[in-house]
Amino acid sequence: MQIPPIRLSRNNEFILVVDASNIRAGGGVTHLCQLLAAANPEESGFKQVVVLGGRLSLENLPSRNWLQKIHVPLLDKGLLFRFLWQQLILPRYVRINGADALFSPGGTRPYRVDAPSFVMSQNLLPFEQGEASRFGLLSRMRLKLRLLRLSQAHSMRRAYGLIFLTRYAKDQVLKLVARNTHRIAIIPHGVEERFFSRPRMASPVPTYSCHNPFRFL
Protein backbone atom coordinates (compact mmCIF):
# COMPACT_ATOMS: atom_id res chain seq x y z
CA MET A 1 0.00 0.00 0.00
CA GLN A 2 1.37 3.38 -0.99
CA ILE A 3 1.75 5.78 1.92
CA PRO A 4 0.67 9.35 1.06
CA PRO A 5 2.91 12.03 2.55
CA ILE A 6 1.76 14.19 5.42
CA ARG A 7 1.43 17.82 4.43
CA LEU A 8 4.05 19.61 6.51
CA SER A 9 3.44 23.04 7.96
CA ARG A 10 5.44 26.04 6.87
CA ASN A 11 8.08 25.87 9.60
CA ASN A 12 8.10 22.08 10.00
CA GLU A 13 6.85 22.39 13.57
CA PHE A 14 5.65 19.44 15.66
CA ILE A 15 3.30 16.95 13.98
CA LEU A 16 0.65 15.05 15.95
CA VAL A 17 -0.87 11.93 14.36
CA VAL A 18 -4.29 10.81 15.61
CA ASP A 19 -5.16 7.13 15.15
CA ALA A 20 -8.90 6.90 14.49
CA SER A 21 -8.74 3.32 13.17
CA ASN A 22 -11.04 1.94 15.87
CA ILE A 23 -13.32 4.97 16.14
CA ARG A 24 -16.18 4.53 13.71
CA ALA A 25 -19.44 5.81 15.24
CA GLY A 26 -21.18 6.91 18.41
CA GLY A 27 -19.56 8.67 21.32
CA GLY A 28 -16.00 8.08 20.15
CA VAL A 29 -16.56 10.04 16.94
CA THR A 30 -18.50 12.75 18.77
CA HIS A 31 -15.69 13.14 21.31
CA LEU A 32 -13.00 13.38 18.64
CA CYS A 33 -15.07 15.87 16.64
CA GLN A 34 -15.67 18.13 19.64
CA LEU A 35 -12.07 17.79 20.81
CA LEU A 36 -10.74 18.99 17.46
CA ALA A 37 -13.37 21.72 17.26
CA ALA A 38 -12.23 23.15 20.60
CA ALA A 39 -8.51 22.46 20.22
CA ASN A 40 -5.80 25.03 19.72
CA PRO A 41 -2.73 22.86 19.10
CA GLU A 42 -0.55 25.82 18.20
CA GLU A 43 -0.51 26.79 21.88
CA SER A 44 1.40 23.56 22.55
CA GLY A 45 3.73 23.90 19.59
CA PHE A 46 1.88 21.59 17.19
CA LYS A 47 1.43 23.15 13.77
CA GLN A 48 -0.07 20.07 12.16
CA VAL A 49 -2.59 17.50 13.38
CA VAL A 50 -3.17 14.51 11.09
CA VAL A 51 -6.18 12.23 11.61
CA LEU A 52 -6.05 8.81 9.94
CA GLY A 53 -9.39 7.04 9.77
CA GLY A 54 -12.24 5.54 7.79
CA ARG A 55 -14.89 7.50 5.96
CA LEU A 56 -17.40 7.48 8.84
CA SER A 57 -14.73 8.70 11.25
CA LEU A 58 -13.68 11.65 9.11
CA GLU A 59 -16.84 13.00 7.51
CA ASN A 60 -18.05 14.91 10.59
CA LEU A 61 -14.68 16.28 11.73
CA PRO A 62 -14.27 20.05 11.58
CA SER A 63 -12.11 21.82 9.01
CA ARG A 64 -9.14 23.72 10.37
CA ASN A 65 -6.00 25.13 8.79
CA TRP A 66 -3.84 22.94 11.02
CA LEU A 67 -5.94 19.77 10.53
CA GLN A 68 -5.29 17.19 7.81
CA LYS A 69 -7.79 14.34 7.39
CA ILE A 70 -6.50 11.26 5.57
CA HIS A 71 -9.02 8.64 4.50
CA VAL A 72 -7.63 5.08 4.72
CA PRO A 73 -9.92 2.70 2.73
CA LEU A 74 -8.75 -0.32 4.75
CA LEU A 75 -10.31 1.25 7.83
CA ASP A 76 -13.76 0.99 6.23
CA LYS A 77 -13.44 -2.80 6.37
CA GLY A 78 -13.77 -5.32 9.19
CA LEU A 79 -11.98 -5.63 12.50
CA LEU A 80 -9.14 -7.81 11.19
CA PHE A 81 -8.22 -5.29 8.46
CA ARG A 82 -8.31 -2.42 10.93
CA PHE A 83 -6.17 -4.30 13.43
CA LEU A 84 -3.54 -5.24 10.81
CA TRP A 85 -3.43 -1.67 9.50
CA GLN A 86 -2.92 -0.28 13.00
CA GLN A 87 -0.17 -2.75 13.89
CA LEU A 88 1.70 -2.94 10.57
CA ILE A 89 1.05 0.19 8.51
CA LEU A 90 0.44 2.94 11.06
CA PRO A 91 3.97 2.66 12.53
CA ARG A 92 5.32 3.24 9.00
CA TYR A 93 3.18 6.38 8.69
CA VAL A 94 4.66 7.68 11.91
CA ARG A 95 8.25 6.82 10.99
CA ILE A 96 8.28 7.88 7.32
CA ASN A 97 6.56 11.21 7.95
CA GLY A 98 8.59 12.10 11.03
CA ALA A 99 5.61 12.50 13.34
CA ASP A 100 6.50 13.81 16.79
CA ALA A 101 3.67 12.11 18.73
CA LEU A 102 0.85 9.60 18.28
CA PHE A 103 -2.51 10.02 20.00
CA SER A 104 -4.76 6.94 20.27
CA PRO A 105 -8.20 8.03 21.57
CA GLY A 106 -9.59 4.53 20.93
CA GLY A 107 -7.51 3.00 23.72
CA THR A 108 -5.08 0.86 21.70
CA ARG A 109 -1.79 1.66 19.95
CA PRO A 110 0.66 -0.25 17.75
CA TYR A 111 2.92 -2.72 19.51
CA ARG A 112 5.97 -0.76 18.30
CA VAL A 113 5.97 2.86 17.24
CA ASP A 114 8.87 5.30 16.81
CA ALA A 115 7.28 8.27 18.57
CA PRO A 116 5.89 9.05 22.02
CA SER A 117 2.35 7.65 22.15
CA PHE A 118 -0.59 8.84 24.24
CA VAL A 119 -3.56 6.57 24.93
CA MET A 120 -7.01 7.64 26.10
CA SER A 121 -9.28 5.35 28.11
CA GLN A 122 -12.92 5.93 27.14
CA ASN A 123 -14.37 2.44 27.60
CA LEU A 124 -14.24 1.16 31.17
CA LEU A 125 -16.35 -1.94 30.52
CA PRO A 126 -13.40 -4.25 29.65
CA PHE A 127 -11.90 -3.50 33.07
CA GLU A 128 -15.11 -4.06 35.06
CA GLN A 129 -14.81 -7.80 35.69
CA GLY A 130 -18.19 -8.00 37.39
CA GLU A 131 -19.91 -6.53 34.36
CA ALA A 132 -18.27 -9.00 31.97
CA SER A 133 -19.78 -11.92 33.92
CA ARG A 134 -23.26 -10.68 33.02
CA PHE A 135 -22.78 -11.85 29.43
CA GLY A 136 -22.27 -15.53 30.28
CA LEU A 137 -19.16 -17.67 30.49
CA LEU A 138 -18.88 -18.55 26.78
CA SER A 139 -20.56 -15.52 25.20
CA ARG A 140 -19.17 -13.60 22.26
CA MET A 141 -19.39 -10.30 24.16
CA ARG A 142 -17.40 -11.67 27.08
CA LEU A 143 -14.66 -12.84 24.70
CA LYS A 144 -14.66 -9.41 23.04
CA LEU A 145 -14.30 -7.65 26.38
CA ARG A 146 -11.47 -10.00 27.35
CA LEU A 147 -9.57 -9.25 24.14
CA LEU A 148 -10.16 -5.52 24.55
CA ARG A 149 -8.81 -5.64 28.09
CA LEU A 150 -5.66 -7.45 26.97
CA SER A 151 -4.99 -5.09 24.04
CA GLN A 152 -5.78 -1.90 25.94
CA ALA A 153 -3.81 -2.95 29.01
CA HIS A 154 -0.80 -3.71 26.81
CA SER A 155 -1.14 -0.33 25.09
CA MET A 156 -1.40 1.50 28.41
CA ARG A 157 1.74 -0.14 29.76
CA ARG A 158 3.77 0.91 26.72
CA ALA A 159 2.24 4.37 26.24
CA TYR A 160 4.24 7.47 27.07
CA GLY A 161 1.16 9.04 28.67
CA LEU A 162 -2.38 8.08 29.67
CA ILE A 163 -5.60 10.10 29.72
CA PHE A 164 -8.63 9.13 31.81
CA LEU A 165 -12.08 10.71 31.91
CA THR A 166 -12.63 10.28 35.66
CA ARG A 167 -10.69 9.46 38.80
CA TYR A 168 -12.82 6.34 39.21
CA ALA A 169 -11.79 5.08 35.76
CA LYS A 170 -8.16 5.74 36.58
CA ASP A 171 -8.35 3.83 39.86
CA GLN A 172 -10.18 0.86 38.34
CA VAL A 173 -7.83 0.50 35.38
CA LEU A 174 -4.63 0.90 37.37
CA LYS A 175 -5.74 -1.94 39.66
CA LEU A 176 -5.30 -4.25 36.67
CA VAL A 177 -2.64 -2.43 34.67
CA ALA A 178 0.71 -2.21 36.42
CA ARG A 179 2.60 0.90 35.37
CA ASN A 180 4.07 4.00 36.96
CA THR A 181 1.77 6.90 37.72
CA HIS A 182 3.86 9.48 35.88
CA ARG A 183 2.38 11.22 32.85
CA ILE A 184 -1.24 10.39 33.73
CA ALA A 185 -3.96 13.03 33.35
CA ILE A 186 -7.67 13.13 34.17
CA ILE A 187 -9.57 15.18 31.58
CA PRO A 188 -13.37 14.90 31.92
CA HIS A 189 -15.76 15.28 29.02
CA GLY A 190 -17.23 18.73 28.61
CA VAL A 191 -20.82 19.61 27.77
CA GLU A 192 -21.76 21.01 24.35
CA GLU A 193 -23.51 24.37 24.32
CA ARG A 194 -26.48 22.84 22.45
CA PHE A 195 -27.43 21.12 25.71
CA PHE A 196 -27.64 24.41 27.59
CA SER A 197 -31.07 25.96 28.15
CA ARG A 198 -32.72 28.42 30.47
CA PRO A 199 -34.27 26.92 33.62
CA ARG A 200 -37.97 26.22 33.19
CA MET A 201 -40.63 26.97 35.75
CA ALA A 202 -41.42 24.02 38.03
CA SER A 203 -45.05 23.27 38.86
CA PRO A 204 -46.12 22.90 42.50
CA VAL A 205 -45.89 19.35 43.87
CA PRO A 206 -49.70 18.94 44.36
CA THR A 207 -50.22 19.33 40.60
CA TYR A 208 -48.50 15.97 39.98
CA SER A 209 -50.29 12.63 40.14
CA CYS A 210 -50.30 9.13 38.63
CA HIS A 211 -51.80 10.65 35.48
CA ASN A 212 -49.36 13.58 35.50
CA PRO A 213 -46.14 12.14 36.97
CA PHE A 214 -42.74 13.66 37.63
CA ARG A 215 -40.31 13.25 34.76
CA PHE A 216 -36.62 12.89 35.65
CA LEU A 217 -34.17 13.23 32.73
C-alpha atoms as a PDB file:
ATOM      1  CA  MET A   1       0.000   0.000   0.000  1.00  0.00           C
ATOM      2  CA  GLN A   2       1.373   3.381  -0.989  1.00  0.00           C
ATOM      3  CA  ILE A   3       1.745   5.782   1.919  1.00  0.00           C
ATOM      4  CA  PRO A   4       0.667   9.347   1.056  1.00  0.00           C
ATOM      5  CA  PRO A   5       2.914  12.032   2.546  1.00  0.00           C
ATOM      6  CA  ILE A   6       1.763  14.188   5.421  1.00  0.00           C
ATOM      7  CA  ARG A   7       1.430  17.825   4.426  1.00  0.00           C
ATOM      8  CA  LEU A   8       4.050  19.612   6.505  1.00  0.00           C
ATOM      9  CA  SER A   9       3.441  23.035   7.960  1.00  0.00           C
ATOM     10  CA  ARG A  10       5.442  26.039   6.865  1.00  0.00           C
ATOM     11  CA  ASN A  11       8.079  25.865   9.596  1.00  0.00           C
ATOM     12  CA  ASN A  12       8.098  22.076  10.002  1.00  0.00           C
ATOM     13  CA  GLU A  13       6.848  22.388  13.574  1.00  0.00           C
ATOM     14  CA  PHE A  14       5.649  19.437  15.665  1.00  0.00           C
ATOM     15  CA  ILE A  15       3.298  16.949  13.978  1.00  0.00           C
ATOM     16  CA  LEU A  16       0.646  15.048  15.946  1.00  0.00           C
ATOM     17  CA  VAL A  17      -0.871  11.929  14.356  1.00  0.00           C
ATOM     18  CA  VAL A  18      -4.292  10.811  15.614  1.00  0.00           C
ATOM     19  CA  ASP A  19      -5.156   7.135  15.148  1.00  0.00           C
ATOM     20  CA  ALA A  20      -8.902   6.895  14.491  1.00  0.00           C
ATOM     21  CA  SER A  21      -8.740   3.321  13.171  1.00  0.00           C
ATOM     22  CA  ASN A  22     -11.039   1.940  15.873  1.00  0.00           C
ATOM     23  CA  ILE A  23     -13.316   4.974  16.144  1.00  0.00           C
ATOM     24  CA  ARG A  24     -16.177   4.529  13.711  1.00  0.00           C
ATOM     25  CA  ALA A  25     -19.439   5.810  15.236  1.00  0.00           C
ATOM     26  CA  GLY A  26     -21.177   6.907  18.407  1.00  0.00           C
ATOM     27  CA  GLY A  27     -19.561   8.672  21.318  1.00  0.00           C
ATOM     28  CA  GLY A  28     -15.999   8.084  20.148  1.00  0.00           C
ATOM     29  CA  VAL A  29     -16.558  10.036  16.940  1.00  0.00           C
ATOM     30  CA  THR A  30     -18.503  12.752  18.774  1.00  0.00           C
ATOM     31  CA  HIS A  31     -15.693  13.139  21.307  1.00  0.00           C
ATOM     32  CA  LEU A  32     -12.996  13.377  18.640  1.00  0.00           C
ATOM     33  CA  CYS A  33     -15.069  15.871  16.639  1.00  0.00           C
ATOM     34  CA  GLN A  34     -15.668  18.134  19.641  1.00  0.00           C
ATOM     35  CA  LEU A  35     -12.071  17.793  20.812  1.00  0.00           C
ATOM     36  CA  LEU A  36     -10.737  18.993  17.458  1.00  0.00           C
ATOM     37  CA  ALA A  37     -13.369  21.724  17.256  1.00  0.00           C
ATOM     38  CA  ALA A  38     -12.226  23.150  20.596  1.00  0.00           C
ATOM     39  CA  ALA A  39      -8.509  22.456  20.223  1.00  0.00           C
ATOM     40  CA  ASN A  40      -5.800  25.034  19.720  1.00  0.00           C
ATOM     41  CA  PRO A  41      -2.725  22.856  19.104  1.00  0.00           C
ATOM     42  CA  GLU A  42      -0.554  25.819  18.202  1.00  0.00           C
ATOM     43  CA  GLU A  43      -0.507  26.794  21.877  1.00  0.00           C
ATOM     44  CA  SER A  44       1.398  23.560  22.547  1.00  0.00           C
ATOM     45  CA  GLY A  45       3.733  23.897  19.591  1.00  0.00           C
ATOM     46  CA  PHE A  46       1.876  21.592  17.193  1.00  0.00           C
ATOM     47  CA  LYS A  47       1.428  23.155  13.775  1.00  0.00           C
ATOM     48  CA  GLN A  48      -0.070  20.069  12.159  1.00  0.00           C
ATOM     49  CA  VAL A  49      -2.592  17.497  13.383  1.00  0.00           C
ATOM     50  CA  VAL A  50      -3.175  14.509  11.093  1.00  0.00           C
ATOM     51  CA  VAL A  51      -6.180  12.232  11.613  1.00  0.00           C
ATOM     52  CA  LEU A  52      -6.049   8.812   9.940  1.00  0.00           C
ATOM     53  CA  GLY A  53      -9.390   7.042   9.769  1.00  0.00           C
ATOM     54  CA  GLY A  54     -12.238   5.536   7.793  1.00  0.00           C
ATOM     55  CA  ARG A  55     -14.891   7.495   5.958  1.00  0.00           C
ATOM     56  CA  LEU A  56     -17.395   7.480   8.835  1.00  0.00           C
ATOM     57  CA  SER A  57     -14.732   8.697  11.250  1.00  0.00           C
ATOM     58  CA  LEU A  58     -13.679  11.654   9.112  1.00  0.00           C
ATOM     59  CA  GLU A  59     -16.836  12.998   7.514  1.00  0.00           C
ATOM     60  CA  ASN A  60     -18.045  14.912  10.587  1.00  0.00           C
ATOM     61  CA  LEU A  61     -14.685  16.277  11.732  1.00  0.00           C
ATOM     62  CA  PRO A  62     -14.266  20.053  11.584  1.00  0.00           C
ATOM     63  CA  SER A  63     -12.111  21.821   9.006  1.00  0.00           C
ATOM     64  CA  ARG A  64      -9.140  23.723  10.374  1.00  0.00           C
ATOM     65  CA  ASN A  65      -5.999  25.129   8.786  1.00  0.00           C
ATOM     66  CA  TRP A  66      -3.840  22.939  11.016  1.00  0.00           C
ATOM     67  CA  LEU A  67      -5.942  19.773  10.526  1.00  0.00           C
ATOM     68  CA  GLN A  68      -5.291  17.195   7.807  1.00  0.00           C
ATOM     69  CA  LYS A  69      -7.794  14.344   7.395  1.00  0.00           C
ATOM     70  CA  ILE A  70      -6.502  11.259   5.572  1.00  0.00           C
ATOM     71  CA  HIS A  71      -9.019   8.635   4.501  1.00  0.00           C
ATOM     72  CA  VAL A  72      -7.627   5.083   4.721  1.00  0.00           C
ATOM     73  CA  PRO A  73      -9.916   2.702   2.733  1.00  0.00           C
ATOM     74  CA  LEU A  74      -8.754  -0.325   4.748  1.00  0.00           C
ATOM     75  CA  LEU A  75     -10.314   1.245   7.832  1.00  0.00           C
ATOM     76  CA  ASP A  76     -13.760   0.988   6.231  1.00  0.00           C
ATOM     77  CA  LYS A  77     -13.440  -2.799   6.365  1.00  0.00           C
ATOM     78  CA  GLY A  78     -13.774  -5.323   9.189  1.00  0.00           C
ATOM     79  CA  LEU A  79     -11.980  -5.629  12.498  1.00  0.00           C
ATOM     80  CA  LEU A  80      -9.143  -7.808  11.191  1.00  0.00           C
ATOM     81  CA  PHE A  81      -8.224  -5.288   8.457  1.00  0.00           C
ATOM     82  CA  ARG A  82      -8.314  -2.418  10.928  1.00  0.00           C
ATOM     83  CA  PHE A  83      -6.166  -4.301  13.427  1.00  0.00           C
ATOM     84  CA  LEU A  84      -3.542  -5.241  10.815  1.00  0.00           C
ATOM     85  CA  TRP A  85      -3.433  -1.670   9.503  1.00  0.00           C
ATOM     86  CA  GLN A  86      -2.919  -0.285  13.003  1.00  0.00           C
ATOM     87  CA  GLN A  87      -0.171  -2.750  13.891  1.00  0.00           C
ATOM     88  CA  LEU A  88       1.699  -2.937  10.567  1.00  0.00           C
ATOM     89  CA  ILE A  89       1.054   0.186   8.507  1.00  0.00           C
ATOM     90  CA  LEU A  90       0.439   2.940  11.063  1.00  0.00           C
ATOM     91  CA  PRO A  91       3.973   2.656  12.527  1.00  0.00           C
ATOM     92  CA  ARG A  92       5.316   3.245   8.997  1.00  0.00           C
ATOM     93  CA  TYR A  93       3.181   6.381   8.694  1.00  0.00           C
ATOM     94  CA  VAL A  94       4.664   7.683  11.910  1.00  0.00           C
ATOM     95  CA  ARG A  95       8.250   6.817  10.988  1.00  0.00           C
ATOM     96  CA  ILE A  96       8.277   7.882   7.321  1.00  0.00           C
ATOM     97  CA  ASN A  97       6.560  11.207   7.954  1.00  0.00           C
ATOM     98  CA  GLY A  98       8.589  12.095  11.032  1.00  0.00           C
ATOM     99  CA  ALA A  99       5.613  12.499  13.341  1.00  0.00           C
ATOM    100  CA  ASP A 100       6.501  13.810  16.793  1.00  0.00           C
ATOM    101  CA  ALA A 101       3.675  12.114  18.726  1.00  0.00           C
ATOM    102  CA  LEU A 102       0.854   9.602  18.281  1.00  0.00           C
ATOM    103  CA  PHE A 103      -2.510  10.018  19.998  1.00  0.00           C
ATOM    104  CA  SER A 104      -4.763   6.942  20.265  1.00  0.00           C
ATOM    105  CA  PRO A 105      -8.201   8.030  21.567  1.00  0.00           C
ATOM    106  CA  GLY A 106      -9.593   4.528  20.931  1.00  0.00           C
ATOM    107  CA  GLY A 107      -7.507   2.995  23.719  1.00  0.00           C
ATOM    108  CA  THR A 108      -5.075   0.856  21.698  1.00  0.00           C
ATOM    109  CA  ARG A 109      -1.795   1.662  19.949  1.00  0.00           C
ATOM    110  CA  PRO A 110       0.661  -0.245  17.754  1.00  0.00           C
ATOM    111  CA  TYR A 111       2.920  -2.722  19.507  1.00  0.00           C
ATOM    112  CA  ARG A 112       5.966  -0.763  18.303  1.00  0.00           C
ATOM    113  CA  VAL A 113       5.975   2.865  17.242  1.00  0.00           C
ATOM    114  CA  ASP A 114       8.872   5.301  16.813  1.00  0.00           C
ATOM    115  CA  ALA A 115       7.280   8.269  18.571  1.00  0.00           C
ATOM    116  CA  PRO A 116       5.887   9.051  22.021  1.00  0.00           C
ATOM    117  CA  SER A 117       2.345   7.655  22.154  1.00  0.00           C
ATOM    118  CA  PHE A 118      -0.589   8.838  24.235  1.00  0.00           C
ATOM    119  CA  VAL A 119      -3.558   6.569  24.929  1.00  0.00           C
ATOM    120  CA  MET A 120      -7.008   7.642  26.104  1.00  0.00           C
ATOM    121  CA  SER A 121      -9.283   5.353  28.110  1.00  0.00           C
ATOM    122  CA  GLN A 122     -12.916   5.931  27.141  1.00  0.00           C
ATOM    123  CA  ASN A 123     -14.367   2.436  27.604  1.00  0.00           C
ATOM    124  CA  LEU A 124     -14.235   1.158  31.168  1.00  0.00           C
ATOM    125  CA  LEU A 125     -16.353  -1.937  30.518  1.00  0.00           C
ATOM    126  CA  PRO A 126     -13.404  -4.249  29.646  1.00  0.00           C
ATOM    127  CA  PHE A 127     -11.901  -3.504  33.070  1.00  0.00           C
ATOM    128  CA  GLU A 128     -15.110  -4.061  35.063  1.00  0.00           C
ATOM    129  CA  GLN A 129     -14.814  -7.799  35.691  1.00  0.00           C
ATOM    130  CA  GLY A 130     -18.186  -8.004  37.392  1.00  0.00           C
ATOM    131  CA  GLU A 131     -19.913  -6.527  34.357  1.00  0.00           C
ATOM    132  CA  ALA A 132     -18.272  -9.003  31.970  1.00  0.00           C
ATOM    133  CA  SER A 133     -19.779 -11.921  33.916  1.00  0.00           C
ATOM    134  CA  ARG A 134     -23.265 -10.677  33.017  1.00  0.00           C
ATOM    135  CA  PHE A 135     -22.781 -11.848  29.433  1.00  0.00           C
ATOM    136  CA  GLY A 136     -22.266 -15.527  30.284  1.00  0.00           C
ATOM    137  CA  LEU A 137     -19.164 -17.674  30.495  1.00  0.00           C
ATOM    138  CA  LEU A 138     -18.878 -18.546  26.784  1.00  0.00           C
ATOM    139  CA  SER A 139     -20.560 -15.525  25.205  1.00  0.00           C
ATOM    140  CA  ARG A 140     -19.166 -13.596  22.256  1.00  0.00           C
ATOM    141  CA  MET A 141     -19.394 -10.304  24.160  1.00  0.00           C
ATOM    142  CA  ARG A 142     -17.398 -11.668  27.079  1.00  0.00           C
ATOM    143  CA  LEU A 143     -14.664 -12.836  24.696  1.00  0.00           C
ATOM    144  CA  LYS A 144     -14.663  -9.411  23.038  1.00  0.00           C
ATOM    145  CA  LEU A 145     -14.296  -7.651  26.383  1.00  0.00           C
ATOM    146  CA  ARG A 146     -11.466  -9.998  27.346  1.00  0.00           C
ATOM    147  CA  LEU A 147      -9.573  -9.254  24.139  1.00  0.00           C
ATOM    148  CA  LEU A 148     -10.162  -5.518  24.546  1.00  0.00           C
ATOM    149  CA  ARG A 149      -8.814  -5.635  28.092  1.00  0.00           C
ATOM    150  CA  LEU A 150      -5.664  -7.445  26.966  1.00  0.00           C
ATOM    151  CA  SER A 151      -4.991  -5.095  24.043  1.00  0.00           C
ATOM    152  CA  GLN A 152      -5.784  -1.897  25.939  1.00  0.00           C
ATOM    153  CA  ALA A 153      -3.809  -2.953  29.009  1.00  0.00           C
ATOM    154  CA  HIS A 154      -0.795  -3.715  26.812  1.00  0.00           C
ATOM    155  CA  SER A 155      -1.138  -0.335  25.093  1.00  0.00           C
ATOM    156  CA  MET A 156      -1.401   1.500  28.409  1.00  0.00           C
ATOM    157  CA  ARG A 157       1.744  -0.136  29.760  1.00  0.00           C
ATOM    158  CA  ARG A 158       3.766   0.908  26.718  1.00  0.00           C
ATOM    159  CA  ALA A 159       2.243   4.372  26.237  1.00  0.00           C
ATOM    160  CA  TYR A 160       4.240   7.470  27.075  1.00  0.00           C
ATOM    161  CA  GLY A 161       1.164   9.037  28.666  1.00  0.00           C
ATOM    162  CA  LEU A 162      -2.383   8.078  29.673  1.00  0.00           C
ATOM    163  CA  ILE A 163      -5.596  10.103  29.724  1.00  0.00           C
ATOM    164  CA  PHE A 164      -8.631   9.126  31.809  1.00  0.00           C
ATOM    165  CA  LEU A 165     -12.081  10.713  31.905  1.00  0.00           C
ATOM    166  CA  THR A 166     -12.632  10.280  35.659  1.00  0.00           C
ATOM    167  CA  ARG A 167     -10.686   9.461  38.804  1.00  0.00           C
ATOM    168  CA  TYR A 168     -12.822   6.336  39.214  1.00  0.00           C
ATOM    169  CA  ALA A 169     -11.791   5.083  35.762  1.00  0.00           C
ATOM    170  CA  LYS A 170      -8.158   5.741  36.581  1.00  0.00           C
ATOM    171  CA  ASP A 171      -8.346   3.830  39.862  1.00  0.00           C
ATOM    172  CA  GLN A 172     -10.177   0.864  38.336  1.00  0.00           C
ATOM    173  CA  VAL A 173      -7.827   0.499  35.377  1.00  0.00           C
ATOM    174  CA  LEU A 174      -4.632   0.898  37.370  1.00  0.00           C
ATOM    175  CA  LYS A 175      -5.743  -1.945  39.662  1.00  0.00           C
ATOM    176  CA  LEU A 176      -5.301  -4.252  36.671  1.00  0.00           C
ATOM    177  CA  VAL A 177      -2.639  -2.428  34.673  1.00  0.00           C
ATOM    178  CA  ALA A 178       0.715  -2.206  36.419  1.00  0.00           C
ATOM    179  CA  ARG A 179       2.597   0.904  35.372  1.00  0.00           C
ATOM    180  CA  ASN A 180       4.075   4.001  36.958  1.00  0.00           C
ATOM    181  CA  THR A 181       1.772   6.901  37.715  1.00  0.00           C
ATOM    182  CA  HIS A 182       3.857   9.482  35.885  1.00  0.00           C
ATOM    183  CA  ARG A 183       2.378  11.225  32.853  1.00  0.00           C
ATOM    184  CA  ILE A 184      -1.239  10.387  33.729  1.00  0.00           C
ATOM    185  CA  ALA A 185      -3.956  13.025  33.351  1.00  0.00           C
ATOM    186  CA  ILE A 186      -7.667  13.131  34.172  1.00  0.00           C
ATOM    187  CA  ILE A 187      -9.566  15.179  31.576  1.00  0.00           C
ATOM    188  CA  PRO A 188     -13.370  14.901  31.924  1.00  0.00           C
ATOM    189  CA  HIS A 189     -15.761  15.276  29.023  1.00  0.00           C
ATOM    190  CA  GLY A 190     -17.233  18.728  28.610  1.00  0.00           C
ATOM    191  CA  VAL A 191     -20.824  19.612  27.769  1.00  0.00           C
ATOM    192  CA  GLU A 192     -21.758  21.010  24.353  1.00  0.00           C
ATOM    193  CA  GLU A 193     -23.514  24.365  24.320  1.00  0.00           C
ATOM    194  CA  ARG A 194     -26.477  22.835  22.453  1.00  0.00           C
ATOM    195  CA  PHE A 195     -27.435  21.119  25.710  1.00  0.00           C
ATOM    196  CA  PHE A 196     -27.638  24.407  27.588  1.00  0.00           C
ATOM    197  CA  SER A 197     -31.074  25.962  28.147  1.00  0.00           C
ATOM    198  CA  ARG A 198     -32.716  28.421  30.471  1.00  0.00           C
ATOM    199  CA  PRO A 199     -34.274  26.919  33.617  1.00  0.00           C
ATOM    200  CA  ARG A 200     -37.973  26.219  33.187  1.00  0.00           C
ATOM    201  CA  MET A 201     -40.628  26.965  35.751  1.00  0.00           C
ATOM    202  CA  ALA A 202     -41.421  24.022  38.035  1.00  0.00           C
ATOM    203  CA  SER A 203     -45.046  23.271  38.863  1.00  0.00           C
ATOM    204  CA  PRO A 204     -46.122  22.899  42.499  1.00  0.00           C
ATOM    205  CA  VAL A 205     -45.887  19.354  43.867  1.00  0.00           C
ATOM    206  CA  PRO A 206     -49.700  18.942  44.360  1.00  0.00           C
ATOM    207  CA  THR A 207     -50.224  19.329  40.604  1.00  0.00           C
ATOM    208  CA  TYR A 208     -48.504  15.970  39.977  1.00  0.00           C
ATOM    209  CA  SER A 209     -50.292  12.628  40.136  1.00  0.00           C
ATOM    210  CA  CYS A 210     -50.302   9.129  38.630  1.00  0.00           C
ATOM    211  CA  HIS A 211     -51.796  10.651  35.480  1.00  0.00           C
ATOM    212  CA  ASN A 212     -49.359  13.579  35.500  1.00  0.00           C
ATOM    213  CA  PRO A 213     -46.141  12.140  36.969  1.00  0.00           C
ATOM    214  CA  PHE A 214     -42.744  13.658  37.626  1.00  0.00           C
ATOM    215  CA  ARG A 215     -40.307  13.252  34.762  1.00  0.00           C
ATOM    216  CA  PHE A 216     -36.622  12.891  35.647  1.00  0.00           C
ATOM    217  CA  LEU A 217     -34.173  13.226  32.728  1.00  0.00           C
END
